[in-house]
Protein backbone atom coordinates (compact mmCIF):
# COMPACT_ATOMS: atom_id res chain seq x y z
CA MET A 1 198.34 170.08 100.98
CA THR A 2 198.28 171.02 104.69
CA GLY A 3 200.58 173.83 105.72
CA VAL A 4 200.83 175.24 102.21
CA GLN A 5 201.47 178.95 101.85
CA THR A 6 200.61 181.06 98.85
CA CYS A 7 203.64 182.72 97.29
CA ALA A 8 204.90 183.66 93.86
CA LEU A 9 205.71 180.71 91.63
CA PRO A 10 207.03 180.86 88.08
CA ILE A 11 203.75 179.78 86.48
CA SER A 12 201.20 181.49 84.37
CA SER A 13 197.47 181.16 84.29
CA PRO A 14 196.45 178.07 82.36
CA THR A 15 196.67 178.34 78.60
CA ILE A 16 193.36 177.01 77.33
CA THR A 17 191.80 175.98 74.06
CA ASN A 18 188.03 175.80 74.13
CA VAL A 19 186.02 172.93 72.71
CA SER A 20 185.77 173.30 68.93
CA CYS A 21 182.15 172.15 68.45
CA ASN A 22 179.09 171.77 70.64
CA GLY A 23 179.22 168.37 72.35
CA ALA A 24 182.89 167.74 71.61
CA ASN A 25 185.51 166.88 74.23
CA ASN A 26 188.62 168.37 72.66
CA GLY A 27 189.30 171.20 75.10
CA TYR A 28 192.89 171.71 76.26
CA ALA A 29 194.59 173.37 79.22
CA GLU A 30 198.26 173.68 80.18
CA VAL A 31 200.12 175.32 83.08
CA PHE A 32 203.77 176.39 83.34
CA PRO A 33 205.73 178.19 80.67
CA LEU A 34 207.47 174.89 79.85
CA PRO A 35 207.13 172.25 77.13
CA PRO A 36 203.83 170.33 77.37
CA GLY A 37 203.96 167.33 79.68
CA VAL A 38 207.02 168.57 81.64
CA ILE A 39 206.76 169.22 85.36
CA PRO A 40 210.00 170.54 86.84
CA PRO A 41 211.50 168.72 89.83
CA ASN A 42 210.16 169.77 93.23
CA TYR A 43 206.75 170.78 91.89
CA ASP A 44 203.41 169.04 92.24
CA VAL A 45 200.42 169.88 90.06
CA TYR A 46 196.91 169.39 91.41
CA TYR A 47 194.10 169.22 88.87
CA ASN A 48 190.60 169.51 90.36
CA GLY A 49 192.12 168.77 93.77
CA SER A 50 193.97 165.58 92.77
CA LEU A 51 197.67 165.14 92.18
CA SER A 52 198.31 165.05 88.42
CA PRO A 53 201.20 163.37 86.58
CA THR A 54 201.22 166.12 83.94
CA ASN A 55 200.74 169.82 83.40
CA VAL A 56 198.62 169.23 80.27
CA PHE A 57 194.93 168.41 80.61
CA THR A 58 193.18 167.04 77.53
CA PRO A 59 190.70 166.06 76.23
CA LEU A 60 188.40 168.28 78.23
CA LEU A 61 184.65 168.63 78.07
CA PRO A 62 183.17 172.09 78.59
CA GLY A 63 183.19 173.03 82.27
CA THR A 64 185.01 174.77 85.10
CA PHE A 65 188.24 173.28 86.43
CA THR A 66 190.91 174.10 89.00
CA VAL A 67 194.68 173.78 88.99
CA GLU A 68 197.21 174.44 91.74
CA VAL A 69 200.99 174.16 91.65
CA ILE A 70 202.96 173.52 94.83
CA ASN A 71 206.73 173.76 95.27
CA THR A 72 207.45 170.65 97.35
CA MET A 73 210.75 172.13 98.65
CA THR A 74 209.38 175.43 99.95
CA GLY A 75 205.71 174.56 100.43
CA CYS A 76 204.73 177.56 98.32
CA SER A 77 201.48 177.33 96.36
CA SER A 78 200.47 179.15 93.24
CA GLY A 79 197.02 179.43 94.70
CA ILE A 80 194.07 177.75 93.07
CA GLU A 81 193.57 178.91 89.51
CA ILE A 82 190.06 178.46 88.13
CA PHE A 83 189.65 178.11 84.39
CA THR A 84 186.67 177.45 82.18
CA ILE A 85 186.47 175.50 78.94
CA THR A 86 183.56 176.66 76.80
CA GLU A 87 181.84 175.36 73.70
CA PRO A 88 180.05 177.14 70.87
CA ALA A 89 176.27 177.04 70.67
CA ASN A 90 174.69 174.06 68.95
CA ILE A 91 173.94 174.57 65.27
CA ILE A 92 170.20 175.17 64.91
CA ILE A 93 168.46 173.35 62.05
CA ASN A 94 164.73 173.71 61.39
CA PRO A 95 163.54 171.77 58.31
CA SER A 96 160.03 172.29 56.95
CA VAL A 97 157.85 171.04 54.08
CA ILE A 98 155.17 172.93 52.13
CA PRO A 99 152.46 171.79 51.75
CA ALA A 100 152.37 169.88 55.02
CA SER A 101 152.67 166.11 54.90
CA PRO A 102 150.79 163.94 53.95
CA VAL A 103 150.30 164.97 50.33
CA CYS A 104 148.70 163.24 47.37
CA GLU A 105 150.66 161.52 44.64
CA GLY A 106 151.78 163.99 41.97
CA THR A 107 151.87 166.96 44.38
CA SER A 108 154.99 169.11 44.20
CA ILE A 109 156.54 169.95 47.58
CA VAL A 110 159.19 172.37 48.81
CA LEU A 111 161.65 171.22 51.45
CA SER A 112 163.38 174.14 53.14
CA VAL A 113 165.58 174.76 56.14
CA SER A 114 166.35 177.69 58.41
CA GLY A 115 168.83 177.90 61.23
CA SER A 116 172.29 178.99 62.23
CA ALA A 117 174.44 176.93 59.84
CA THR A 118 176.53 178.54 57.12
CA SER A 119 175.79 175.75 54.63
CA TYR A 120 173.23 172.96 54.29
CA SER A 121 173.17 169.65 52.45
CA TRP A 122 170.26 167.22 51.98
CA ASN A 123 170.28 163.46 51.45
CA HIS A 124 168.38 161.47 48.77
CA GLY A 125 170.29 163.24 46.01
CA LEU A 126 168.88 166.69 46.77
CA GLY A 127 172.34 168.14 47.43
CA ALA A 128 173.29 171.53 48.84
CA GLY A 129 170.98 174.45 49.47
CA THR A 130 168.29 175.78 51.75
CA SER A 131 165.33 174.96 49.50
CA HIS A 132 164.39 172.18 47.07
CA ALA A 133 161.15 171.88 45.04
CA PHE A 134 160.29 168.45 43.59
CA THR A 135 157.57 165.83 43.28
CA PRO A 136 158.30 162.94 45.64
CA SER A 137 157.40 159.28 45.11
CA VAL A 138 154.54 157.47 46.86
CA GLY A 139 155.42 156.31 50.38
CA THR A 140 157.06 157.81 53.45
CA THR A 141 160.58 159.21 53.05
CA ASN A 142 162.78 160.69 55.76
CA TYR A 143 164.81 163.63 54.45
CA THR A 144 167.88 164.57 56.49
CA VAL A 145 169.48 167.99 56.23
CA THR A 146 172.97 168.56 57.61
CA GLY A 147 174.18 172.02 58.54
CA THR A 148 177.79 173.04 58.99
CA VAL A 149 179.68 175.90 60.59
CA GLY A 150 183.42 175.42 60.08
CA PRO A 151 184.26 171.91 61.32
CA CYS A 152 181.00 171.60 63.27
CA ILE A 153 177.93 169.74 62.01
CA ASN A 154 174.38 169.05 63.11
CA SER A 155 171.48 167.31 61.39
CA ALA A 156 167.71 167.19 61.50
CA THR A 157 165.19 164.95 59.76
CA ILE A 158 161.72 165.59 58.39
CA SER A 159 159.31 162.90 57.13
CA VAL A 160 157.19 163.31 54.01
CA THR A 161 154.33 160.93 53.31
CA VAL A 162 152.88 160.75 49.80
CA ASP A 163 149.56 158.92 49.52
CA PRO A 164 148.69 157.17 46.25
CA MET A 165 145.84 158.50 44.15
CA PRO A 166 142.61 156.59 44.74
CA VAL A 167 141.77 153.93 42.18
CA LEU A 168 138.24 154.04 40.85
CA THR A 169 136.70 150.90 39.54
CA VAL A 170 133.85 151.37 37.08
CA THR A 171 131.57 148.44 36.44
CA PRO A 172 128.96 148.02 33.67
CA ASP A 173 125.38 149.03 34.32
CA TYR A 174 123.20 146.21 35.62
CA THR A 175 119.50 145.99 35.63
CA ILE A 176 118.40 144.91 39.02
CA CYS A 177 114.63 144.97 38.54
CA SER A 178 112.93 144.88 35.21
CA GLY A 179 109.81 146.79 34.54
C-alpha cells in the first residue's frame, strides 16, 4: 500500500449490522454499493490491514474494525474507514428464595426473579413468571430461571436445600435403680 493517495472512490461507509445478542458473533459489515461478495475489477479491499477476497465481513464479534479500498489502476485510496460492531447489554437475572435456604421439610418457599428480561421461565415444572410459591421436597434442588429479550436469552440458577424433619425415638421408661 506504499505510494497510495487518498481520492474519491465510489464507495460508501460500511453498512453494518450489530450483534443481535450479548456474546453472539453475528455482526455484519459490507462496503461498496454493489451486490454482497462482489469486488469490481481493479479494486482491492483491505480489512483490518489485510487484503480481503470479499467486501462482506461476517460473522463479526463486537469490536472496532477498519476497511480501506484501493483502486489498483490509479492508486487512489478510499482512506481508512473505521467502523464499530456493538452488542446489547447482557440480560440481568437475579433469582432469590424466601426464606433463605436451607429450610425445614414442609416449609413453603417463594422463588422470585428480578432483572432486565421481558419474560422469565423456570425449570422443574414451575413454568413462566417472576414468582412461584410452593413447598419443595426434601433434598437439594437447583432451580434455573431463563430470561428472554427478543431472541436473546440468559439463565441463572439458585439452589434450595430442604432438610428432613428430625425423627424422635421414644423408648419405654426403665427403672435403673430400685428403691
